[in-house]
Amino acid sequence: MKNDFKNDVLSRRTFAIISHPDAGKTTLTEQLLLFGGAIRAAGTVKGKKTGKFATSDWMEIEKQRGISVTSSVMAFDYNGNRVNILDTPGHQDFSEDTYRTLMAVDSAVMIIDSAKGIEAQTLKLFKVCKMRGIPIFTFINKMDRQGREPLEILEELEEVLGIESYPMNWPIGMGKEFVGIYDRYHNRIEQFRVEVDDRFISLNEEGEIAGDHPLKENNLYSQTLEDVLLLNEAGNNFSEDKIASGELTPVFFGSALTNFGVQTFLETYLNFAPSPQPRKSDKGLITPTAEEFSGFVFKIQANMNPAHRDRIAFVRICSGQFQRGMSVNLSRTGKSIKLSQSTQFLADDRSTVDEAVSGDIIGVYDTGTYQIGDTLVEGKQSFQYEKLPQFTPELFVRVTAKNVMKQKHFHKGIQQLVQEGAIQYYKTLRTEDVILGAVGQLQFEVFEHRMKNEYNVDVMMEPIGSKIARWIENEEAVNDSMSSSRSMLVKDRHDNLVFLFENDFATRWFQDKNPEIKLYSLM
């Protein structure tokens, strides 16, 4: 039994896909699910006209806009591995959700559009991965379209991201002249748009096609041989240790839309991606093969099934084995909880899960018990996994229900959506007006859409502009008279006092006038 458990843990590969919007993240996810047998046909994000949508984009607004705004979790088995993919929102307004998701994975796959190179959101998310020291695998997408020179992209990778790169394969041409990829790792050529039987061409010890072959007549083939020779002589050396520490990224070229190079990428990724890693806690490192079950809540999602008005807390299992019906301690409160309703996901298609091990992501039914960042531990011991990042919001709106008769639904909807962590809740001290804060405008639009469609409440949102939110270390030193139009005093959802300053000048003016008040911000 112990050996089975250990082997199960070692077979897990849990990763997030990060990219700038439109780089092909959700399309790549679909193709990976296709290989895992989890779906029968891949629907691209832009499937609005055909009525065919990406599996991971299950929320109505995602289908309407063709974007991912929530992190979805999908699992499938492939070549003896259990693969857990966390598809994250590409839109920068939802980067907080993505940051938390990156805390729940052991590696990341970074997708780069071959025409656009490294974009702002990719850079932001890469920095979080780098900060955590997790391995990063790079997929250069859209090689079937005209893009930038591969060497130029590699140079940008190293200069902008500060990470060494090692091309596992190399494109032969691009756009209309895209012929395939020269696979350095497998010592073969994979041809683009040919019959399955002719797809792979073996290479000899010199890394060339032996004997006669039509491809040898193509100038692109000889150019590729020159490029590969240059990479072999002047490029970085392959190092599994550097991959494991996040210092070197293996690079793959392909096209997610045409499903080219994806299977090769997946199989090679599984060879080098880490199994579940030890996790930091306030009691030291917790190893994934430790016997006692433990995990943490990194996401809460309301209304995955709108008909049932349910709420799911996503738990990353960090040690031990989960068994449905087991009792765990919630470290924050010390209370014992029975985990009887548990699920695993293929996007919004869920099934009851009876057992799971370290590295797996499970959903547990939540009646309002959990908060993002909560640690669950089996047995009598109690500890807390490291805190998850929370952002200081920058945009604020005052929110009311259009129909005063729907106050109950209004407050219930806000309470549940706020617990997901994308928007933050505040109320004014005397009048208790509801104010919502967010990192980006799109979060408010998604909130408005979901209130109407999931809670049947039309809301009115009055923008109060961008503010500088600051929490207070010594609340006892604050009094009501410090609140003004330029430094509004409110309470957050945990009843902590918060100042919303009009601008930098107002913040400095307040600090100069009240030096005894100690202010701080979130991330």
Protein backbone atom coordinates (compact mmCIF):
# COMPACT_ATOMS: atom_id res chain seq x y z
CA MET A 1 0.00 0.00 0.00
CA LYS A 2 2.79 2.42 0.92
CA ASN A 3 4.61 1.71 -2.36
CA ASP A 4 1.36 2.22 -4.32
CA PHE A 5 0.80 5.55 -2.58
CA LYS A 6 4.36 6.71 -3.25
CA ASN A 7 4.15 5.67 -6.92
CA ASP A 8 0.82 7.46 -7.27
CA VAL A 9 2.36 10.66 -5.90
CA LEU A 10 5.41 10.37 -8.18
CA SER A 11 3.13 9.95 -11.22
CA ARG A 12 1.44 13.35 -10.67
CA ARG A 13 2.29 16.33 -12.89
CA THR A 14 0.48 19.49 -11.84
CA PHE A 15 1.07 22.62 -13.89
CA ALA A 16 -0.45 25.94 -14.91
CA ILE A 17 -0.43 27.41 -18.38
CA ILE A 18 0.55 31.09 -18.46
CA SER A 19 0.53 33.56 -21.33
CA HIS A 20 -0.64 36.91 -22.60
CA PRO A 21 -4.26 36.94 -23.91
CA ASP A 22 -4.62 35.43 -27.40
CA ALA A 23 -1.28 33.60 -27.35
CA GLY A 24 -3.16 30.28 -27.60
CA LYS A 25 -3.32 29.15 -23.99
CA THR A 26 -6.83 27.72 -23.97
CA THR A 27 -6.33 26.17 -27.43
CA LEU A 28 -3.22 24.33 -26.21
CA THR A 29 -5.16 23.14 -23.14
CA GLU A 30 -7.86 21.70 -25.43
CA GLN A 31 -5.29 19.77 -27.48
CA LEU A 32 -3.66 18.33 -24.36
CA LEU A 33 -7.09 17.17 -23.15
CA LEU A 34 -7.65 15.61 -26.55
CA PHE A 35 -4.48 13.52 -26.18
CA GLY A 36 -5.53 12.52 -22.69
CA GLY A 37 -8.82 11.20 -24.05
CA ALA A 38 -10.67 13.62 -21.81
CA ILE A 39 -12.58 15.19 -24.72
CA ARG A 40 -13.50 14.01 -28.21
CA ALA A 41 -13.18 17.29 -30.12
CA ALA A 42 -11.27 20.45 -29.39
CA GLY A 43 -13.28 23.68 -29.46
CA THR A 44 -11.22 26.81 -29.75
CA VAL A 45 -11.92 29.91 -27.70
CA LYS A 46 -12.98 31.75 -30.83
CA GLY A 47 -15.70 29.18 -31.51
CA LYS A 48 -18.53 31.69 -31.07
CA LYS A 49 -19.83 31.43 -34.64
CA THR A 50 -19.79 27.64 -34.65
CA GLY A 51 -21.30 27.34 -31.19
CA LYS A 52 -18.30 25.22 -30.21
CA PHE A 53 -16.53 26.55 -27.13
CA ALA A 54 -13.38 25.68 -25.28
CA THR A 55 -13.93 23.06 -22.59
CA SER A 56 -12.09 25.11 -20.01
CA ASP A 57 -14.21 28.23 -20.71
CA TRP A 58 -17.39 27.05 -18.98
CA MET A 59 -18.71 30.36 -17.66
CA GLU A 60 -21.35 32.07 -19.85
CA ILE A 61 -19.45 35.36 -20.11
CA GLU A 62 -16.33 33.50 -21.27
CA LYS A 63 -18.29 31.94 -24.14
CA GLN A 64 -19.75 35.32 -25.12
CA ARG A 65 -16.44 37.20 -25.09
CA GLY A 66 -14.05 34.42 -26.11
CA ILE A 67 -11.76 34.97 -23.10
CA SER A 68 -10.84 33.05 -19.97
CA VAL A 69 -11.72 34.91 -16.77
CA THR A 70 -11.56 32.07 -14.25
CA SER A 71 -8.97 29.44 -13.47
CA SER A 72 -10.32 26.04 -14.45
CA VAL A 73 -8.94 22.68 -13.35
CA MET A 74 -8.72 19.63 -15.56
CA ALA A 75 -7.26 16.18 -15.01
CA PHE A 76 -6.43 13.31 -17.36
CA ASP A 77 -4.18 10.24 -17.51
CA TYR A 78 -1.40 9.91 -20.09
CA ASN A 79 1.47 7.39 -20.40
CA GLY A 80 1.25 6.36 -16.74
CA ASN A 81 1.01 9.94 -15.43
CA ARG A 82 -1.93 11.77 -13.90
CA VAL A 83 -1.81 15.23 -15.45
CA ASN A 84 -3.51 18.11 -13.63
CA ILE A 85 -3.78 21.26 -15.75
CA LEU A 86 -4.78 24.59 -14.25
CA ASP A 87 -5.88 26.88 -17.08
CA THR A 88 -5.55 30.44 -15.82
CA PRO A 89 -7.14 33.73 -16.93
CA GLY A 90 -4.97 35.46 -19.51
CA HIS A 91 -6.58 38.85 -18.98
CA GLN A 92 -4.48 41.10 -16.75
CA ASP A 93 -7.55 42.23 -14.79
CA PHE A 94 -7.62 38.71 -13.33
CA SER A 95 -3.93 38.37 -12.52
CA GLU A 96 -4.68 37.93 -8.80
CA ASP A 97 -6.56 34.70 -9.51
CA THR A 98 -3.64 33.58 -11.67
CA TYR A 99 -1.05 34.44 -8.98
CA ARG A 100 -2.88 32.26 -6.46
CA THR A 101 -3.20 29.44 -8.97
CA LEU A 102 0.57 29.53 -9.50
CA MET A 103 0.97 28.80 -5.78
CA ALA A 104 -0.84 25.49 -6.33
CA VAL A 105 1.35 24.04 -9.11
CA ASP A 106 4.77 22.38 -9.37
CA SER A 107 5.67 23.72 -12.82
CA ALA A 108 4.41 26.13 -15.47
CA VAL A 109 4.03 26.07 -19.23
CA MET A 110 4.60 29.48 -20.82
CA ILE A 111 3.07 30.08 -24.24
CA ILE A 112 4.57 32.73 -26.50
CA ASP A 113 3.03 33.97 -29.74
CA SER A 114 5.77 33.61 -32.38
CA ALA A 115 4.78 36.91 -34.01
CA LYS A 116 4.52 38.99 -30.84
CA GLY A 117 7.22 37.53 -28.60
CA ILE A 118 7.13 38.26 -24.87
CA GLU A 119 4.17 40.44 -23.91
CA ALA A 120 3.38 42.33 -20.72
CA GLN A 121 1.17 39.74 -19.00
CA THR A 122 3.61 36.92 -19.81
CA LEU A 123 6.41 38.89 -18.19
CA LYS A 124 4.33 39.55 -15.06
CA LEU A 125 3.38 35.90 -14.61
CA PHE A 126 6.88 34.67 -15.43
CA LYS A 127 8.22 36.78 -12.55
CA VAL A 128 5.89 35.00 -10.11
CA CYS A 129 7.11 31.59 -11.34
CA LYS A 130 10.71 32.77 -11.10
CA MET A 131 10.10 34.08 -7.58
CA ARG A 132 8.86 30.63 -6.57
CA GLY A 133 11.73 28.90 -8.40
CA ILE A 134 9.40 26.55 -10.25
CA PRO A 135 10.41 24.91 -13.55
CA ILE A 136 9.14 26.69 -16.66
CA PHE A 137 8.61 25.01 -20.04
CA THR A 138 8.13 27.26 -23.07
CA PHE A 139 5.91 26.57 -26.09
CA ILE A 140 6.43 28.99 -29.02
CA ASN A 141 3.02 28.92 -30.70
CA LYS A 142 1.57 29.78 -34.14
CA MET A 143 4.55 28.65 -36.21
CA ASP A 144 2.12 28.04 -39.10
CA ARG A 145 1.82 31.85 -39.34
CA GLN A 146 4.50 34.36 -40.27
CA GLY A 147 6.35 35.42 -37.12
CA ARG A 148 9.67 36.58 -35.78
CA GLU A 149 12.94 34.75 -36.34
CA PRO A 150 13.34 31.91 -33.79
CA LEU A 151 16.82 33.08 -32.75
CA GLU A 152 15.39 36.54 -32.08
CA ILE A 153 12.71 35.05 -29.82
CA LEU A 154 15.33 33.02 -27.91
CA GLU A 155 17.43 36.16 -27.46
CA GLU A 156 14.40 38.01 -26.10
CA LEU A 157 13.65 35.13 -23.72
CA GLU A 158 17.11 35.36 -22.24
CA GLU A 159 17.39 39.15 -22.15
CA VAL A 160 13.88 40.12 -21.02
CA LEU A 161 13.16 37.18 -18.72
CA GLY A 162 16.68 36.54 -17.54
CA ILE A 163 16.44 32.78 -18.01
CA GLU A 164 18.61 30.45 -20.07
CA SER A 165 16.87 28.59 -22.88
CA TYR A 166 17.44 25.26 -24.58
CA PRO A 167 15.46 24.54 -27.78
CA MET A 168 14.28 20.93 -27.60
CA ASN A 169 13.29 21.29 -31.25
CA TRP A 170 13.74 23.87 -34.02
CA PRO A 171 11.29 25.03 -36.70
CA ILE A 172 11.91 24.27 -40.35
CA GLY A 173 10.50 27.40 -41.96
CA MET A 174 7.43 29.30 -40.76
CA GLY A 175 4.06 30.56 -41.97
CA LYS A 176 3.16 29.26 -45.44
CA GLU A 177 6.64 27.72 -45.70
CA PHE A 178 6.40 25.87 -42.37
CA VAL A 179 7.58 22.32 -43.07
CA GLY A 180 7.91 20.90 -39.56
CA ILE A 181 10.30 20.75 -36.63
CA TYR A 182 13.79 19.37 -36.20
CA ASP A 183 13.53 17.46 -32.92
CA ARG A 184 16.92 17.72 -31.18
CA TYR A 185 15.81 15.70 -28.18
CA HIS A 186 14.43 12.70 -30.11
CA ASN A 187 16.90 13.06 -33.03
CA ARG A 188 14.17 13.08 -35.67
CA ILE A 189 12.20 15.43 -37.92
CA GLU A 190 8.46 15.81 -37.40
CA GLN A 191 6.75 16.87 -40.64
CA PHE A 192 3.83 19.28 -40.79
CA ARG A 193 0.60 18.33 -42.56
CA VAL A 194 1.61 14.90 -43.87
CA GLU A 195 0.04 11.46 -43.44
CA VAL A 196 0.47 9.98 -39.95
CA ASP A 197 2.73 7.18 -41.21
CA ASP A 198 5.12 9.69 -42.81
CA ARG A 199 5.17 12.14 -39.91
CA PHE A 200 8.55 11.23 -38.39
CA ILE A 201 11.88 10.99 -40.20
CA SER A 202 14.73 9.41 -38.24
CA LEU A 203 18.12 11.15 -38.29
CA ASN A 204 21.56 9.51 -38.30
CA GLU A 205 24.34 10.06 -35.75
CA GLU A 206 25.34 13.28 -37.53
CA GLY A 207 21.78 14.57 -37.06
CA GLU A 208 20.94 14.39 -40.77
CA ILE A 209 18.51 12.43 -42.95
CA ALA A 210 20.22 9.28 -44.21
CA GLY A 211 19.72 8.32 -47.86
CA ASP A 212 17.34 10.04 -50.28
CA HIS A 213 14.39 12.11 -49.14
CA PRO A 214 12.49 14.94 -50.89
CA LEU A 215 13.00 17.20 -47.85
CA LYS A 216 16.77 17.21 -48.51
CA GLU A 217 16.07 19.16 -51.72
CA ASN A 218 14.41 21.96 -49.72
CA ASN A 219 16.63 24.95 -48.90
CA LEU A 220 14.83 25.25 -45.52
CA TYR A 221 16.27 21.86 -44.52
CA SER A 222 19.88 22.96 -45.09
CA GLN A 223 19.19 26.27 -43.32
CA THR A 224 17.84 24.32 -40.33
CA LEU A 225 20.96 22.13 -40.21
CA GLU A 226 23.06 25.31 -40.04
CA ASP A 227 20.87 26.72 -37.25
CA VAL A 228 21.07 23.49 -35.26
CA LEU A 229 24.85 23.38 -35.69
CA LEU A 230 25.01 26.93 -34.31
CA LEU A 231 22.81 25.93 -31.34
CA ASN A 232 24.97 22.88 -30.64
CA GLU A 233 28.19 24.89 -30.69
CA ALA A 234 27.18 28.24 -29.18
CA GLY A 235 23.88 27.55 -27.39
CA ASN A 236 23.29 26.66 -23.73
CA ASN A 237 23.98 23.13 -22.53
CA PHE A 238 21.03 20.96 -21.56
CA SER A 239 20.81 20.61 -17.76
CA GLU A 240 18.10 18.77 -15.84
CA ASP A 241 19.27 20.44 -12.62
CA LYS A 242 18.85 23.90 -14.13
CA ILE A 243 15.39 22.99 -15.43
CA ALA A 244 14.39 21.78 -11.95
CA SER A 245 15.53 25.02 -10.31
CA GLY A 246 13.83 27.23 -12.90
CA GLU A 247 17.12 28.59 -14.31
CA LEU A 248 16.76 27.04 -17.77
CA THR A 249 13.60 26.66 -19.84
CA PRO A 250 13.24 23.90 -22.45
CA VAL A 251 11.75 25.50 -25.59
CA PHE A 252 9.34 23.79 -27.99
CA PHE A 253 7.99 25.12 -31.30
CA GLY A 254 4.61 24.19 -32.75
CA SER A 255 1.06 25.18 -33.56
CA ALA A 256 -1.68 24.53 -31.01
CA LEU A 257 -4.48 25.37 -33.47
CA THR A 258 -3.37 22.71 -35.97
CA ASN A 259 -2.32 20.38 -33.15
CA PHE A 260 1.25 20.20 -34.43
CA GLY A 261 4.14 19.60 -32.03
CA VAL A 262 1.73 19.35 -29.08
CA GLN A 263 2.02 15.61 -28.48
CA THR A 264 5.82 15.78 -28.74
CA PHE A 265 5.77 18.64 -26.26
CA LEU A 266 3.50 16.76 -23.83
CA GLU A 267 5.57 13.56 -23.87
CA THR A 268 8.86 15.42 -23.41
CA TYR A 269 7.36 17.66 -20.72
CA LEU A 270 6.26 14.59 -18.72
CA ASN A 271 9.85 13.29 -18.78
CA PHE A 272 11.30 16.41 -17.17
CA ALA A 273 8.47 18.06 -15.21
CA PRO A 274 8.66 17.56 -11.45
CA SER A 275 6.35 15.36 -9.44
CA PRO A 276 4.75 17.06 -6.35
CA GLN A 277 7.31 19.06 -4.38
CA PRO A 278 7.67 19.78 -0.62
CA ARG A 279 5.72 22.84 0.57
CA LYS A 280 6.61 25.58 3.02
CA SER A 281 4.57 25.86 6.21
CA ASP A 282 4.97 27.53 9.58
CA LYS A 283 6.19 24.12 10.84
CA GLY A 284 8.86 23.74 8.13
CA LEU A 285 8.75 21.82 4.85
CA ILE A 286 5.92 19.30 4.43
CA THR A 287 6.87 16.42 2.10
CA PRO A 288 4.29 15.11 -0.40
CA THR A 289 4.83 11.48 0.70
CA ALA A 290 4.11 12.25 4.36
CA GLU A 291 1.29 9.99 5.58
CA GLU A 292 -1.05 12.64 7.03
CA PHE A 293 -3.31 14.40 4.55
CA SER A 294 -2.90 18.17 4.20
CA GLY A 295 -3.73 20.78 1.60
CA PHE A 296 -4.73 24.39 1.11
CA VAL A 297 -7.62 26.26 -0.52
CA PHE A 298 -6.32 28.36 -3.42
CA LYS A 299 -9.62 29.21 -5.09
CA ILE A 300 -13.32 29.43 -4.32
CA GLN A 301 -15.82 29.38 -7.19
CA ALA A 302 -19.53 30.12 -6.79
CA ASN A 303 -22.22 28.69 -9.08
CA MET A 304 -20.25 26.24 -11.18
CA ASN A 305 -23.69 24.70 -11.46
CA PRO A 306 -26.05 27.74 -11.54
CA ALA A 307 -29.09 25.48 -11.12
CA HIS A 308 -27.82 24.35 -7.71
CA ARG A 309 -26.38 27.66 -6.44
CA ASP A 310 -23.39 25.71 -5.18
CA ARG A 311 -19.94 26.85 -4.17
CA ILE A 312 -16.73 24.87 -4.52
CA ALA A 313 -13.45 25.35 -2.67
CA PHE A 314 -10.49 24.12 -4.75
CA VAL A 315 -7.90 22.34 -2.61
CA ARG A 316 -4.35 21.51 -3.66
CA ILE A 317 -3.36 18.31 -1.84
CA CYS A 318 0.20 18.73 -0.52
CA SER A 319 0.71 15.54 1.50
CA GLY A 320 -0.91 12.22 2.25
CA GLN A 321 -4.01 10.69 0.78
CA PHE A 322 -7.51 12.12 0.58
CA GLN A 323 -10.42 9.78 1.22
CA ARG A 324 -14.01 10.93 0.88
CA GLY A 325 -15.70 11.26 4.25
CA MET A 326 -12.45 11.86 6.15
CA SER A 327 -12.27 14.47 8.91
CA VAL A 328 -9.73 17.29 8.79
CA ASN A 329 -8.91 20.30 10.93
CA LEU A 330 -9.30 23.79 9.54
CA SER A 331 -6.13 25.41 10.91
CA ARG A 332 -7.53 28.96 10.91
CA THR A 333 -10.43 28.08 13.26
CA GLY A 334 -9.29 24.81 14.83
CA LYS A 335 -12.64 23.24 13.88
CA SER A 336 -13.03 19.70 12.58
CA ILE A 337 -14.70 19.31 9.16
CA LYS A 338 -15.91 16.17 7.40
CA LEU A 339 -15.04 16.16 3.69
CA SER A 340 -17.97 14.15 2.37
CA GLN A 341 -18.86 16.00 -0.85
CA SER A 342 -15.78 16.03 -3.06
CA THR A 343 -15.30 16.33 -6.79
CA GLN A 344 -12.70 16.35 -9.55
CA PHE A 345 -13.10 18.28 -12.76
CA LEU A 346 -12.92 18.39 -16.48
CA ALA A 347 -13.84 22.07 -16.67
CA ASP A 348 -17.49 22.14 -15.51
CA ASP A 349 -17.96 18.38 -15.97
CA ARG A 350 -17.42 16.99 -12.52
CA SER A 351 -17.42 13.57 -10.93
CA THR A 352 -17.35 12.46 -7.31
CA VAL A 353 -13.85 11.59 -6.19
CA ASP A 354 -13.33 8.99 -3.45
CA GLU A 355 -9.53 9.07 -3.31
CA ALA A 356 -6.79 11.47 -4.33
CA VAL A 357 -3.13 11.98 -3.44
CA SER A 358 -0.51 14.73 -3.20
CA GLY A 359 -0.41 16.82 -6.34
CA ASP A 360 -4.10 16.36 -7.12
CA ILE A 361 -6.65 19.17 -7.06
CA ILE A 362 -10.03 18.38 -5.55
CA GLY A 363 -13.14 20.47 -5.07
CA VAL A 364 -14.96 20.35 -1.75
CA TYR A 365 -18.47 21.66 -1.25
CA ASP A 366 -18.45 24.95 0.64
CA THR A 367 -21.31 26.43 2.61
CA GLY A 368 -19.29 29.49 3.58
CA THR A 369 -16.79 27.66 5.79
CA TYR A 370 -13.63 28.26 3.78
CA GLN A 371 -11.51 31.25 2.88
CA ILE A 372 -8.80 31.47 0.24
CA GLY A 373 -5.52 30.38 1.83
CA ASP A 374 -7.09 28.04 4.41
CA THR A 375 -5.01 25.00 5.39
CA LEU A 376 -6.68 21.60 5.99
CA VAL A 377 -4.79 19.02 8.05
CA GLU A 378 -5.60 15.42 9.01
CA GLY A 379 -5.10 14.26 12.62
CA LYS A 380 -4.34 16.34 15.69
CA GLN A 381 -1.44 18.41 14.41
CA SER A 382 -2.07 21.87 13.04
CA PHE A 383 0.01 24.09 10.80
CA GLN A 384 -0.46 26.75 8.16
CA TYR A 385 0.87 26.74 4.59
CA GLU A 386 2.46 29.98 3.38
CA LYS A 387 0.09 32.87 2.73
CA LEU A 388 -1.37 33.37 -0.73
CA PRO A 389 -0.90 36.76 -2.37
CA GLN A 390 -3.67 39.35 -2.16
CA PHE A 391 -3.54 42.48 -4.27
CA THR A 392 -4.35 46.04 -3.26
CA PRO A 393 -7.26 47.09 -5.50
CA GLU A 394 -6.91 50.23 -7.59
CA LEU A 395 -10.42 50.85 -8.96
CA PHE A 396 -13.54 51.33 -6.85
CA VAL A 397 -17.31 51.48 -7.41
CA ARG A 398 -20.30 52.09 -5.14
CA VAL A 399 -22.86 49.31 -5.74
CA THR A 400 -26.61 49.13 -5.08
CA ALA A 401 -29.44 46.85 -6.20
CA LYS A 402 -31.78 48.47 -8.76
CA ASN A 403 -34.74 46.73 -7.11
CA VAL A 404 -34.83 47.38 -3.33
CA MET A 405 -37.00 44.27 -2.93
CA LYS A 406 -34.02 42.12 -3.90
CA GLN A 407 -31.72 43.18 -1.06
CA LYS A 408 -31.45 39.62 0.28
CA HIS A 409 -30.31 38.23 -3.10
CA PHE A 410 -28.07 41.27 -3.57
CA HIS A 411 -26.16 40.74 -0.33
CA LYS A 412 -25.99 36.95 -0.79
CA GLY A 413 -24.57 37.37 -4.32
CA ILE A 414 -21.98 39.90 -3.20
CA GLN A 415 -20.94 37.77 -0.23
CA GLN A 416 -20.39 34.70 -2.41
CA LEU A 417 -18.62 36.44 -5.29
CA VAL A 418 -16.37 38.40 -2.93
CA GLN A 419 -15.23 35.12 -1.35
CA GLU A 420 -13.82 34.07 -4.73
CA GLY A 421 -11.20 36.79 -4.28
CA ALA A 422 -11.45 38.66 -7.62
CA ILE A 423 -13.24 41.65 -6.12
CA GLN A 424 -12.88 43.11 -2.62
CA TYR A 425 -15.69 44.33 -0.40
CA TYR A 426 -15.80 47.49 1.70
CA LYS A 427 -18.56 49.41 3.46
CA THR A 428 -18.71 52.99 4.62
CA LEU A 429 -18.74 53.48 8.39
CA ARG A 430 -22.00 55.31 9.01
CA THR A 431 -24.24 54.60 6.03
CA GLU A 432 -22.82 51.11 5.30
CA ASP A 433 -22.83 51.76 1.54
CA VAL A 434 -21.28 48.85 -0.36
CA ILE A 435 -18.04 49.69 -2.18
CA LEU A 436 -16.23 47.15 -4.34
CA GLY A 437 -12.54 47.31 -5.23
CA ALA A 438 -10.78 45.51 -8.07
CA VAL A 439 -7.46 45.40 -9.88
CA GLY A 440 -9.11 45.97 -13.29
CA GLN A 441 -12.35 47.17 -14.88
CA LEU A 442 -13.22 43.80 -16.41
CA GLN A 443 -13.73 42.34 -12.94
CA PHE A 444 -16.63 44.76 -12.37
CA GLU A 445 -18.17 43.80 -15.71
CA VAL A 446 -17.95 40.10 -14.85
CA PHE A 447 -19.43 40.85 -11.38
CA GLU A 448 -22.37 42.74 -12.94
CA HIS A 449 -22.98 39.96 -15.47
CA ARG A 450 -22.90 37.22 -12.82
CA MET A 451 -25.16 39.10 -10.39
CA LYS A 452 -27.79 39.35 -13.13
CA ASN A 453 -27.43 35.83 -14.52
CA GLU A 454 -26.67 33.83 -11.38
CA TYR A 455 -28.53 35.77 -8.68
CA ASN A 456 -31.21 37.50 -10.79
CA VAL A 457 -30.20 40.91 -9.43
CA ASP A 458 -29.63 43.99 -11.59
CA VAL A 459 -27.04 46.26 -9.99
CA MET A 460 -26.17 49.92 -10.35
CA MET A 461 -22.46 50.69 -10.17
CA GLU A 462 -21.29 54.24 -9.57
CA PRO A 463 -17.57 54.63 -10.29
CA ILE A 464 -15.70 56.50 -7.57
CA GLY A 465 -12.45 56.29 -9.53
CA SER A 466 -9.04 55.00 -8.66
CA LYS A 467 -8.05 55.19 -5.02
CA ILE A 468 -5.00 54.26 -2.98
CA ALA A 469 -6.09 51.70 -0.37
CA ARG A 470 -4.07 51.46 2.83
CA TRP A 471 -4.67 49.27 5.84
CA ILE A 472 -3.78 50.37 9.37
CA GLU A 473 -1.43 48.58 11.77
CA ASN A 474 -2.54 50.52 14.87
CA GLU A 475 -6.30 50.91 14.38
CA GLU A 476 -6.77 52.13 17.97
CA ALA A 477 -5.02 55.39 17.00
CA VAL A 478 -7.57 56.17 14.25
CA ASN A 479 -10.72 58.23 14.78
CA ASP A 480 -13.69 59.22 12.59
CA SER A 481 -12.49 62.80 12.17
CA MET A 482 -9.63 61.53 10.01
CA SER A 483 -12.15 60.50 7.35
CA SER A 484 -12.74 63.01 4.55
CA SER A 485 -13.52 63.14 0.83
CA ARG A 486 -9.78 62.82 0.14
CA SER A 487 -9.16 60.07 2.72
CA MET A 488 -12.32 58.00 3.05
CA LEU A 489 -12.37 55.61 6.02
CA VAL A 490 -14.12 52.28 5.34
CA LYS A 491 -14.15 48.71 6.66
CA ASP A 492 -13.16 45.64 4.66
CA ARG A 493 -15.06 42.34 4.81
CA HIS A 494 -13.10 41.29 7.90
CA ASP A 495 -14.07 44.57 9.64
CA ASN A 496 -10.54 45.96 9.38
CA LEU A 497 -10.30 49.72 8.92
CA VAL A 498 -9.02 50.91 5.54
CA PHE A 499 -8.28 54.39 4.18
CA LEU A 500 -9.14 55.05 0.52
CA PHE A 501 -6.94 57.99 -0.47
CA GLU A 502 -7.76 60.13 -3.49
CA ASN A 503 -4.20 60.15 -4.86
CA ASP A 504 -0.50 60.12 -3.90
CA PHE A 505 -0.65 63.73 -2.75
CA ALA A 506 -3.57 62.96 -0.37
CA THR A 507 -1.68 59.94 1.00
CA ARG A 508 1.48 61.98 1.70
CA TRP A 509 -0.52 64.87 3.18
CA PHE A 510 -2.29 62.46 5.57
CA GLN A 511 1.00 60.82 6.60
CA ASP A 512 2.63 64.20 7.26
CA LYS A 513 -0.35 65.32 9.36
CA ASN A 514 -0.75 61.97 11.22
CA PRO A 515 2.75 60.46 11.54
CA GLU A 516 1.59 58.18 14.37
CA ILE A 517 -0.74 56.23 12.02
CA LYS A 518 1.08 53.22 10.52
CA LEU A 519 -0.28 52.40 7.06
CA TYR A 520 0.44 49.37 4.87
CA SER A 521 -0.68 47.94 1.53
CA LEU A 522 -1.24 44.41 0.25
CA MET A 523 0.78 43.14 -2.75
